Amino acid sequence: MRWSDREDGLRGLEEILLIDGYNIINSWPELKKAAGYSLEEARRLLLDIMQDYQGYRGIRVIVVFDAHMIKGGREKTEYAGGVEVVYTGENETADHYIERWTDSIQKNMQVTVATSDALQQTIVLSRGAVRMSARELLERVRQAKREMDDQYLEKPRPKSNTLGDWADPATIRILERWRRNNS
């Protein structure tokens, strides 16, 4: 179920998923394996996965990567599809950026932070965010993928390609009425 489809009084909240990028890369087997030969490839794979997830769930996703060891590095934000990608500045870790970001949570936001760092989870909880482990995020991504496959790939194919095979009954009634009136 998409966040925007919820009927439990939370409608109107902006759902934001804030991800500690390297923590997730080092926790998911597929990404950890990719990072073994190319950290760039692991980042790309994570961003591809999160673009699909964001698009399906209809939420805002922000992935934060540490760049604190880069001399003279400045914080920068890029976009991969619709996913915000933040590279921290010199001397700022992803954890510190996430803590700073969660300090500004507003009443109309439902913020979830994905990291398996226990201390980070405790800190963001105290600031009003919801915590999610890397394993939980992986399971939610897998569930969304199953739902997408069921919804878009597993539809039974019609035996033929006539209007009656794909149009809904209301549309067929309208078209039939038009046909009769124009005969």
N, C-alpha and C. Protein backbone atom coordinates (compact mmCIF):
# COMPACT_ATOMS: atom_id res chain seq x y z
N MET A 1 0.85 -1.17 0.00
CA MET A 1 0.00 0.00 0.00
C MET A 1 0.89 1.23 0.00
N ARG A 2 0.58 2.16 -0.82
CA ARG A 2 1.33 3.40 -0.86
C ARG A 2 0.94 4.28 0.31
N TRP A 3 1.91 5.08 0.79
CA TRP A 3 1.66 5.95 1.93
C TRP A 3 0.48 6.87 1.65
N SER A 4 0.41 7.40 0.44
CA SER A 4 -0.65 8.35 0.11
C SER A 4 -2.03 7.71 0.08
N ASP A 5 -2.10 6.37 0.04
CA ASP A 5 -3.37 5.67 0.01
C ASP A 5 -3.90 5.33 1.40
N ARG A 6 -3.14 5.65 2.45
CA ARG A 6 -3.53 5.25 3.81
C ARG A 6 -4.78 5.99 4.25
N GLU A 7 -5.59 5.30 5.02
CA GLU A 7 -6.86 5.86 5.48
C GLU A 7 -6.88 6.04 7.00
N ASP A 8 -5.72 5.98 7.67
CA ASP A 8 -5.70 5.93 9.12
C ASP A 8 -5.40 7.26 9.79
N GLY A 9 -5.71 8.35 9.12
CA GLY A 9 -5.49 9.66 9.74
C GLY A 9 -4.10 10.22 9.48
N LEU A 10 -3.25 9.49 8.80
CA LEU A 10 -1.90 9.96 8.52
C LEU A 10 -1.80 10.60 7.15
N ARG A 11 -2.91 10.61 6.43
CA ARG A 11 -2.94 11.24 5.11
C ARG A 11 -2.50 12.69 5.26
N GLY A 12 -1.75 13.17 4.31
CA GLY A 12 -1.28 14.54 4.36
C GLY A 12 0.13 14.65 4.91
N LEU A 13 0.63 13.60 5.54
CA LEU A 13 2.01 13.62 6.01
C LEU A 13 2.94 13.30 4.86
N GLU A 14 4.04 14.00 4.81
CA GLU A 14 5.06 13.68 3.82
C GLU A 14 5.94 12.58 4.40
N GLU A 15 5.98 11.44 3.74
CA GLU A 15 6.82 10.34 4.22
C GLU A 15 8.19 10.48 3.60
N ILE A 16 9.20 10.48 4.47
CA ILE A 16 10.59 10.65 4.04
C ILE A 16 11.41 9.49 4.58
N LEU A 17 12.16 8.87 3.70
CA LEU A 17 13.07 7.79 4.08
C LEU A 17 14.49 8.32 3.93
N LEU A 18 15.19 8.43 5.04
CA LEU A 18 16.55 8.94 5.09
C LEU A 18 17.47 7.74 5.29
N ILE A 19 18.41 7.53 4.37
CA ILE A 19 19.21 6.31 4.35
C ILE A 19 20.69 6.62 4.55
N ASP A 20 21.32 5.90 5.47
CA ASP A 20 22.77 5.94 5.64
C ASP A 20 23.34 5.01 4.57
N GLY A 21 23.78 5.60 3.46
CA GLY A 21 24.15 4.84 2.27
C GLY A 21 25.19 3.76 2.48
N TYR A 22 26.32 4.10 3.09
CA TYR A 22 27.38 3.10 3.25
C TYR A 22 27.00 2.05 4.27
N ASN A 23 26.19 2.40 5.26
CA ASN A 23 25.72 1.41 6.22
C ASN A 23 24.87 0.35 5.51
N ILE A 24 24.01 0.80 4.60
CA ILE A 24 23.17 -0.14 3.86
C ILE A 24 24.02 -0.97 2.90
N ILE A 25 24.94 -0.32 2.19
CA ILE A 25 25.83 -1.05 1.26
C ILE A 25 26.57 -2.16 2.00
N ASN A 26 27.07 -1.87 3.19
CA ASN A 26 27.84 -2.86 3.95
C ASN A 26 26.97 -3.90 4.64
N SER A 27 25.64 -3.72 4.60
CA SER A 27 24.73 -4.65 5.26
C SER A 27 23.99 -5.58 4.30
N TRP A 28 23.79 -5.14 3.06
CA TRP A 28 23.06 -5.96 2.09
C TRP A 28 24.06 -6.81 1.32
N PRO A 29 23.87 -8.12 1.30
CA PRO A 29 24.85 -9.02 0.65
C PRO A 29 25.19 -8.64 -0.80
N GLU A 30 24.19 -8.36 -1.62
CA GLU A 30 24.42 -8.03 -3.02
C GLU A 30 25.26 -6.77 -3.16
N LEU A 31 24.97 -5.77 -2.34
CA LEU A 31 25.69 -4.50 -2.42
C LEU A 31 27.09 -4.62 -1.83
N LYS A 32 27.22 -5.40 -0.77
CA LYS A 32 28.53 -5.60 -0.14
C LYS A 32 29.47 -6.31 -1.12
N LYS A 33 28.92 -7.27 -1.84
CA LYS A 33 29.71 -7.99 -2.85
C LYS A 33 30.16 -7.02 -3.95
N ALA A 34 29.24 -6.18 -4.43
CA ALA A 34 29.57 -5.21 -5.47
C ALA A 34 30.63 -4.23 -4.97
N ALA A 35 30.53 -3.81 -3.70
CA ALA A 35 31.49 -2.86 -3.14
C ALA A 35 32.89 -3.46 -3.07
N GLY A 36 32.96 -4.80 -3.01
CA GLY A 36 34.25 -5.46 -2.97
C GLY A 36 35.09 -5.20 -4.21
N TYR A 37 34.44 -4.96 -5.33
CA TYR A 37 35.20 -4.67 -6.55
C TYR A 37 35.00 -3.24 -7.03
N SER A 38 33.91 -2.55 -6.61
CA SER A 38 33.72 -1.17 -7.02
C SER A 38 32.69 -0.48 -6.12
N LEU A 39 33.18 0.43 -5.30
CA LEU A 39 32.27 1.17 -4.44
C LEU A 39 31.29 2.01 -5.26
N GLU A 40 31.76 2.54 -6.37
CA GLU A 40 30.91 3.31 -7.28
C GLU A 40 29.74 2.46 -7.79
N GLU A 41 30.04 1.22 -8.16
CA GLU A 41 29.00 0.30 -8.64
C GLU A 41 28.00 -0.01 -7.53
N ALA A 42 28.48 -0.20 -6.30
CA ALA A 42 27.58 -0.47 -5.17
C ALA A 42 26.66 0.72 -4.93
N ARG A 43 27.20 1.94 -5.00
CA ARG A 43 26.36 3.14 -4.84
C ARG A 43 25.31 3.20 -5.93
N ARG A 44 25.72 2.94 -7.17
CA ARG A 44 24.79 2.98 -8.30
C ARG A 44 23.67 1.96 -8.12
N LEU A 45 24.03 0.75 -7.70
CA LEU A 45 23.01 -0.29 -7.48
C LEU A 45 22.02 0.12 -6.39
N LEU A 46 22.54 0.66 -5.28
CA LEU A 46 21.66 1.11 -4.20
C LEU A 46 20.71 2.20 -4.71
N LEU A 47 21.24 3.15 -5.46
CA LEU A 47 20.40 4.24 -5.96
C LEU A 47 19.36 3.73 -6.95
N ASP A 48 19.72 2.77 -7.80
CA ASP A 48 18.75 2.18 -8.73
C ASP A 48 17.61 1.51 -7.96
N ILE A 49 17.97 0.76 -6.93
CA ILE A 49 16.97 0.07 -6.11
C ILE A 49 16.05 1.08 -5.44
N MET A 50 16.63 2.13 -4.89
CA MET A 50 15.84 3.11 -4.16
C MET A 50 14.98 3.96 -5.09
N GLN A 51 15.40 4.15 -6.34
CA GLN A 51 14.55 4.87 -7.30
C GLN A 51 13.27 4.08 -7.55
N ASP A 52 13.40 2.78 -7.76
CA ASP A 52 12.22 1.94 -7.97
C ASP A 52 11.32 1.97 -6.73
N TYR A 53 11.93 1.83 -5.56
CA TYR A 53 11.17 1.82 -4.31
C TYR A 53 10.44 3.14 -4.12
N GLN A 54 11.15 4.24 -4.32
CA GLN A 54 10.54 5.56 -4.17
C GLN A 54 9.37 5.73 -5.13
N GLY A 55 9.58 5.35 -6.37
CA GLY A 55 8.53 5.51 -7.37
C GLY A 55 7.30 4.69 -7.04
N TYR A 56 7.50 3.48 -6.55
CA TYR A 56 6.37 2.62 -6.24
C TYR A 56 5.65 3.07 -4.97
N ARG A 57 6.41 3.40 -3.94
CA ARG A 57 5.80 3.78 -2.66
C ARG A 57 5.31 5.23 -2.63
N GLY A 58 5.80 6.05 -3.54
CA GLY A 58 5.36 7.44 -3.57
C GLY A 58 5.86 8.26 -2.39
N ILE A 59 7.10 8.00 -1.99
CA ILE A 59 7.70 8.70 -0.86
C ILE A 59 8.94 9.46 -1.32
N ARG A 60 9.46 10.28 -0.45
CA ARG A 60 10.71 11.00 -0.71
C ARG A 60 11.85 10.18 -0.10
N VAL A 61 12.88 9.92 -0.89
CA VAL A 61 14.03 9.15 -0.42
C VAL A 61 15.28 10.02 -0.51
N ILE A 62 16.04 10.04 0.59
CA ILE A 62 17.31 10.76 0.65
C ILE A 62 18.37 9.76 1.08
N VAL A 63 19.40 9.59 0.25
CA VAL A 63 20.50 8.68 0.57
C VAL A 63 21.72 9.55 0.88
N VAL A 64 22.32 9.29 2.04
CA VAL A 64 23.46 10.10 2.50
C VAL A 64 24.72 9.24 2.47
N PHE A 65 25.76 9.77 1.82
CA PHE A 65 27.06 9.10 1.76
C PHE A 65 28.10 9.96 2.46
N ASP A 66 28.95 9.30 3.23
CA ASP A 66 30.08 9.97 3.88
C ASP A 66 31.06 10.45 2.82
N ALA A 67 31.50 11.67 2.97
CA ALA A 67 32.61 12.17 2.16
C ALA A 67 33.53 12.96 3.08
N HIS A 68 33.42 12.70 4.39
CA HIS A 68 34.13 13.50 5.39
C HIS A 68 35.64 13.37 5.33
N MET A 69 36.15 12.35 4.68
CA MET A 69 37.60 12.14 4.60
C MET A 69 38.21 12.85 3.39
N ILE A 70 37.36 13.45 2.57
CA ILE A 70 37.85 14.13 1.37
C ILE A 70 38.28 15.54 1.75
N LYS A 71 39.57 15.79 1.61
CA LYS A 71 40.14 17.09 1.98
C LYS A 71 39.50 18.20 1.15
N GLY A 72 38.96 19.19 1.83
CA GLY A 72 38.36 20.33 1.15
C GLY A 72 37.00 20.05 0.54
N GLY A 73 36.47 18.85 0.78
CA GLY A 73 35.18 18.48 0.19
C GLY A 73 34.04 19.30 0.78
N ARG A 74 33.12 19.69 -0.07
CA ARG A 74 31.94 20.43 0.36
C ARG A 74 30.72 19.53 0.25
N GLU A 75 29.78 19.78 1.12
CA GLU A 75 28.52 19.04 1.05
C GLU A 75 27.87 19.34 -0.29
N LYS A 76 27.37 18.30 -0.94
CA LYS A 76 26.66 18.53 -2.19
C LYS A 76 25.49 17.56 -2.29
N THR A 77 24.47 18.04 -2.98
CA THR A 77 23.27 17.23 -3.22
C THR A 77 23.10 17.06 -4.71
N GLU A 78 22.88 15.81 -5.10
CA GLU A 78 22.59 15.49 -6.50
C GLU A 78 21.28 14.72 -6.52
N TYR A 79 20.80 14.44 -7.71
CA TYR A 79 19.58 13.64 -7.84
C TYR A 79 19.84 12.49 -8.80
N ALA A 80 19.43 11.31 -8.38
CA ALA A 80 19.50 10.12 -9.23
C ALA A 80 18.05 9.71 -9.43
N GLY A 81 17.51 10.00 -10.61
CA GLY A 81 16.07 9.85 -10.78
C GLY A 81 15.44 10.88 -9.86
N GLY A 82 14.56 10.46 -9.01
CA GLY A 82 13.96 11.38 -8.06
C GLY A 82 14.58 11.28 -6.67
N VAL A 83 15.57 10.42 -6.52
CA VAL A 83 16.19 10.21 -5.22
C VAL A 83 17.24 11.29 -4.96
N GLU A 84 17.13 11.93 -3.78
CA GLU A 84 18.15 12.91 -3.37
C GLU A 84 19.37 12.14 -2.89
N VAL A 85 20.53 12.55 -3.37
CA VAL A 85 21.79 11.92 -2.95
C VAL A 85 22.65 13.02 -2.34
N VAL A 86 22.99 12.85 -1.07
CA VAL A 86 23.78 13.84 -0.36
C VAL A 86 25.16 13.25 -0.08
N TYR A 87 26.19 14.01 -0.44
CA TYR A 87 27.57 13.68 -0.08
C TYR A 87 27.96 14.69 0.99
N THR A 88 28.33 14.22 2.16
CA THR A 88 28.65 15.13 3.25
C THR A 88 29.93 15.89 2.94
N GLY A 89 30.11 16.99 3.65
CA GLY A 89 31.31 17.79 3.47
C GLY A 89 32.46 17.24 4.31
N GLU A 90 33.60 17.90 4.17
CA GLU A 90 34.78 17.53 4.94
C GLU A 90 34.45 17.57 6.43
N ASN A 91 34.89 16.57 7.15
CA ASN A 91 34.72 16.45 8.60
C ASN A 91 33.28 16.24 9.05
N GLU A 92 32.38 15.86 8.15
CA GLU A 92 31.01 15.53 8.56
C GLU A 92 30.67 14.12 8.09
N THR A 93 30.30 13.28 9.03
CA THR A 93 29.91 11.92 8.69
C THR A 93 28.44 11.89 8.26
N ALA A 94 28.04 10.79 7.67
CA ALA A 94 26.62 10.62 7.32
C ALA A 94 25.78 10.64 8.59
N ASP A 95 26.29 10.03 9.66
CA ASP A 95 25.56 10.04 10.93
C ASP A 95 25.29 11.47 11.40
N HIS A 96 26.30 12.31 11.36
CA HIS A 96 26.14 13.69 11.80
C HIS A 96 25.14 14.43 10.91
N TYR A 97 25.22 14.22 9.60
CA TYR A 97 24.27 14.87 8.68
C TYR A 97 22.84 14.44 9.01
N ILE A 98 22.65 13.13 9.21
CA ILE A 98 21.31 12.59 9.51
C ILE A 98 20.79 13.18 10.83
N GLU A 99 21.66 13.28 11.83
CA GLU A 99 21.25 13.88 13.10
C GLU A 99 20.84 15.33 12.90
N ARG A 100 21.63 16.06 12.16
CA ARG A 100 21.33 17.47 11.88
C ARG A 100 20.01 17.58 11.11
N TRP A 101 19.80 16.70 10.14
CA TRP A 101 18.59 16.73 9.32
C TRP A 101 17.36 16.42 10.18
N THR A 102 17.48 15.42 11.06
CA THR A 102 16.31 15.05 11.88
C THR A 102 15.98 16.09 12.94
N ASP A 103 16.91 17.00 13.22
CA ASP A 103 16.60 18.12 14.12
C ASP A 103 15.52 19.02 13.54
N SER A 104 15.34 18.98 12.22
CA SER A 104 14.40 19.89 11.57
C SER A 104 13.09 19.22 11.15
N ILE A 105 12.79 18.07 11.75
CA ILE A 105 11.53 17.38 11.41
C ILE A 105 10.34 18.28 11.75
N GLN A 106 9.42 18.39 10.80
CA GLN A 106 8.23 19.21 10.99
C GLN A 106 7.02 18.32 11.28
N LYS A 107 5.95 18.92 11.73
CA LYS A 107 4.75 18.17 12.11
C LYS A 107 4.13 17.43 10.94
N ASN A 108 4.33 17.93 9.72
CA ASN A 108 3.71 17.29 8.56
C ASN A 108 4.62 16.23 7.93
N MET A 109 5.64 15.78 8.67
CA MET A 109 6.58 14.79 8.15
C MET A 109 6.55 13.50 8.96
N GLN A 110 6.64 12.40 8.26
CA GLN A 110 6.85 11.09 8.88
C GLN A 110 8.22 10.64 8.39
N VAL A 111 9.25 10.76 9.22
CA VAL A 111 10.63 10.49 8.82
C VAL A 111 11.07 9.13 9.37
N THR A 112 11.61 8.32 8.49
CA THR A 112 12.19 7.04 8.86
C THR A 112 13.66 7.06 8.48
N VAL A 113 14.51 6.65 9.41
CA VAL A 113 15.95 6.59 9.15
C VAL A 113 16.36 5.13 9.05
N ALA A 114 16.97 4.77 7.92
CA ALA A 114 17.42 3.40 7.70
C ALA A 114 18.91 3.31 7.96
N THR A 115 19.26 2.61 9.04
CA THR A 115 20.64 2.34 9.41
C THR A 115 20.62 1.20 10.42
N SER A 116 21.69 0.45 10.47
CA SER A 116 21.81 -0.59 11.49
C SER A 116 22.71 -0.15 12.63
N ASP A 117 23.13 1.08 12.63
CA ASP A 117 23.94 1.64 13.69
C ASP A 117 23.04 1.90 14.90
N ALA A 118 23.23 1.13 15.98
CA ALA A 118 22.34 1.20 17.15
C ALA A 118 22.35 2.58 17.80
N LEU A 119 23.52 3.19 17.92
CA LEU A 119 23.58 4.52 18.52
C LEU A 119 22.82 5.53 17.66
N GLN A 120 23.01 5.45 16.36
CA GLN A 120 22.31 6.35 15.44
C GLN A 120 20.80 6.16 15.55
N GLN A 121 20.35 4.91 15.67
CA GLN A 121 18.92 4.64 15.81
C GLN A 121 18.36 5.30 17.07
N THR A 122 19.09 5.22 18.17
CA THR A 122 18.65 5.82 19.42
C THR A 122 18.56 7.34 19.29
N ILE A 123 19.57 7.93 18.66
CA ILE A 123 19.58 9.39 18.51
C ILE A 123 18.41 9.86 17.66
N VAL A 124 18.16 9.21 16.52
CA VAL A 124 17.07 9.69 15.65
C VAL A 124 15.70 9.45 16.29
N LEU A 125 15.58 8.39 17.08
CA LEU A 125 14.32 8.17 17.80
C LEU A 125 14.05 9.33 18.75
N SER A 126 15.10 9.81 19.41
CA SER A 126 14.92 10.91 20.37
C SER A 126 14.56 12.22 19.66
N ARG A 127 14.77 12.27 18.34
CA ARG A 127 14.48 13.48 17.58
C ARG A 127 13.19 13.38 16.79
N GLY A 128 12.44 12.31 17.00
CA GLY A 128 11.12 12.20 16.40
C GLY A 128 11.04 11.37 15.13
N ALA A 129 12.14 10.75 14.74
CA ALA A 129 12.13 9.89 13.56
C ALA A 129 11.84 8.45 13.97
N VAL A 130 11.51 7.63 12.99
CA VAL A 130 11.31 6.21 13.19
C VAL A 130 12.59 5.53 12.71
N ARG A 131 13.00 4.50 13.38
CA ARG A 131 14.21 3.80 12.97
C ARG A 131 13.87 2.55 12.17
N MET A 132 14.75 2.19 11.27
CA MET A 132 14.58 0.98 10.47
C MET A 132 15.97 0.40 10.24
N SER A 133 16.13 -0.87 10.51
CA SER A 133 17.42 -1.51 10.28
C SER A 133 17.63 -1.76 8.79
N ALA A 134 18.86 -2.03 8.43
CA ALA A 134 19.19 -2.35 7.03
C ALA A 134 18.42 -3.60 6.60
N ARG A 135 18.30 -4.56 7.48
CA ARG A 135 17.58 -5.79 7.16
C ARG A 135 16.10 -5.52 6.92
N GLU A 136 15.51 -4.65 7.75
CA GLU A 136 14.09 -4.28 7.57
C GLU A 136 13.88 -3.57 6.24
N LEU A 137 14.80 -2.66 5.90
CA LEU A 137 14.69 -1.95 4.63
C LEU A 137 14.79 -2.93 3.47
N LEU A 138 15.71 -3.86 3.55
CA LEU A 138 15.86 -4.86 2.49
C LEU A 138 14.57 -5.65 2.33
N GLU A 139 13.95 -6.03 3.43
CA GLU A 139 12.70 -6.79 3.35
C GLU A 139 11.57 -5.95 2.75
N ARG A 140 11.51 -4.67 3.11
CA ARG A 140 10.48 -3.79 2.52
C ARG A 140 10.72 -3.59 1.02
N VAL A 141 11.96 -3.47 0.63
CA VAL A 141 12.29 -3.34 -0.80
C VAL A 141 11.88 -4.61 -1.54
N ARG A 142 12.18 -5.75 -0.96
CA ARG A 142 11.81 -7.04 -1.60
C ARG A 142 10.30 -7.18 -1.70
N GLN A 143 9.58 -6.76 -0.64
CA GLN A 143 8.11 -6.83 -0.67
C GLN A 143 7.56 -5.91 -1.75
N ALA A 144 8.09 -4.71 -1.86
CA ALA A 144 7.63 -3.78 -2.90
C ALA A 144 7.89 -4.36 -4.28
N LYS A 145 9.04 -5.01 -4.46
CA LYS A 145 9.38 -5.64 -5.75
C LYS A 145 8.37 -6.74 -6.08
N ARG A 146 8.01 -7.55 -5.09
CA ARG A 146 7.01 -8.60 -5.31
C ARG A 146 5.67 -7.98 -5.71
N GLU A 147 5.27 -6.91 -5.02
CA GLU A 147 4.01 -6.24 -5.34
C GLU A 147 4.05 -5.64 -6.75
N MET A 148 5.17 -5.03 -7.10
CA MET A 148 5.29 -4.46 -8.45
C MET A 148 5.19 -5.56 -9.50
N ASP A 149 5.89 -6.66 -9.26
CA ASP A 149 5.84 -7.77 -10.21
C ASP A 149 4.43 -8.31 -10.35
N ASP A 150 3.74 -8.48 -9.21
CA ASP A 150 2.36 -8.97 -9.25
C ASP A 150 1.46 -8.01 -10.00
N GLN A 151 1.65 -6.74 -9.74
CA GLN A 151 0.77 -5.72 -10.32
C GLN A 151 1.03 -5.50 -11.80
N TYR A 152 2.30 -5.50 -12.20
CA TYR A 152 2.63 -5.10 -13.57
C TYR A 152 3.09 -6.22 -14.48
N LEU A 153 3.67 -7.26 -13.92
CA LEU A 153 4.22 -8.30 -14.78
C LEU A 153 3.39 -9.57 -14.81
N GLU A 154 2.65 -9.82 -13.78
CA GLU A 154 1.93 -11.08 -13.67
C GLU A 154 0.48 -11.00 -14.13
N LYS A 155 0.09 -9.91 -14.79
CA LYS A 155 -1.28 -9.80 -15.27
C LYS A 155 -1.50 -10.84 -16.37
N PRO A 156 -2.64 -11.51 -16.34
CA PRO A 156 -2.90 -12.46 -17.41
C PRO A 156 -3.05 -11.72 -18.74
N ARG A 157 -2.46 -12.26 -19.74
CA ARG A 157 -2.53 -11.64 -21.06
C ARG A 157 -3.83 -12.05 -21.76
N PRO A 158 -4.48 -11.11 -22.43
CA PRO A 158 -5.72 -11.46 -23.14
C PRO A 158 -5.43 -12.40 -24.30
N LYS A 159 -6.44 -13.21 -24.64
CA LYS A 159 -6.29 -14.15 -25.74
C LYS A 159 -6.23 -13.43 -27.08
N SER A 160 -6.86 -12.29 -27.15
CA SER A 160 -6.82 -11.49 -28.37
C SER A 160 -6.63 -10.04 -27.96
N ASN A 161 -6.58 -9.17 -28.93
CA ASN A 161 -6.35 -7.77 -28.61
C ASN A 161 -7.54 -6.93 -29.07
N THR A 162 -8.70 -7.29 -28.59
CA THR A 162 -9.89 -6.52 -28.93
C THR A 162 -10.22 -5.57 -27.79
N LEU A 163 -11.05 -4.60 -28.08
CA LEU A 163 -11.44 -3.62 -27.08
C LEU A 163 -12.04 -4.29 -25.85
N GLY A 164 -12.83 -5.30 -26.04
CA GLY A 164 -13.47 -6.00 -24.94
C GLY A 164 -12.50 -6.70 -24.02
N ASP A 165 -11.29 -6.98 -24.51
CA ASP A 165 -10.29 -7.66 -23.68
C ASP A 165 -9.62 -6.74 -22.67
N TRP A 166 -9.56 -5.46 -22.96
CA TRP A 166 -8.82 -4.59 -22.05
C TRP A 166 -9.62 -3.42 -21.49
N ALA A 167 -10.73 -3.06 -22.08
CA ALA A 167 -11.52 -1.92 -21.58
C ALA A 167 -12.41 -2.37 -20.43
N ASP A 168 -12.62 -1.46 -19.49
CA ASP A 168 -13.50 -1.77 -18.37
C ASP A 168 -14.96 -1.70 -18.84
N PRO A 169 -15.88 -2.34 -18.13
CA PRO A 169 -17.29 -2.40 -18.55
C PRO A 169 -17.94 -1.04 -18.76
N ALA A 170 -17.62 -0.06 -17.95
CA ALA A 170 -18.23 1.27 -18.09
C ALA A 170 -17.82 1.89 -19.42
N THR A 171 -16.56 1.76 -19.80
CA THR A 171 -16.08 2.30 -21.07
C THR A 171 -16.76 1.59 -22.24
N ILE A 172 -16.91 0.29 -22.14
CA ILE A 172 -17.57 -0.46 -23.20
C ILE A 172 -19.02 0.00 -23.37
N ARG A 173 -19.72 0.23 -22.25
CA ARG A 173 -21.11 0.71 -22.32
C ARG A 173 -21.19 2.07 -23.01
N ILE A 174 -20.28 2.97 -22.66
CA ILE A 174 -20.26 4.31 -23.28
C ILE A 174 -20.00 4.20 -24.77
N LEU A 175 -19.04 3.41 -25.14
CA LEU A 175 -18.71 3.25 -26.57
C LEU A 175 -19.86 2.60 -27.33
N GLU A 176 -20.51 1.63 -26.72
CA GLU A 176 -21.65 0.96 -27.36
C GLU A 176 -22.79 1.96 -27.56
N ARG A 177 -23.02 2.83 -26.58
CA ARG A 177 -24.05 3.85 -26.70
C ARG A 177 -23.72 4.80 -27.85
N TRP A 178 -22.47 5.23 -27.95
CA TRP A 178 -22.05 6.10 -29.05
C TRP A 178 -22.24 5.41 -30.40
N ARG A 179 -21.89 4.14 -30.47
CA ARG A 179 -22.03 3.38 -31.72
C ARG A 179 -23.49 3.33 -32.16
N ARG A 180 -24.38 3.07 -31.21
CA ARG A 180 -25.81 2.98 -31.54
C ARG A 180 -26.37 4.33 -31.98
N ASN A 181 -25.95 5.40 -31.32
CA ASN A 181 -26.45 6.73 -31.66
C ASN A 181 -25.92 7.21 -33.00
N ASN A 182 -24.79 6.72 -33.44
CA ASN A 182 -24.20 7.16 -34.70
C ASN A 182 -24.45 6.18 -35.85
N SER A 183 -25.26 5.16 -35.62
CA SER A 183 -25.53 4.19 -36.69
C SER A 183 -26.63 4.63 -37.59
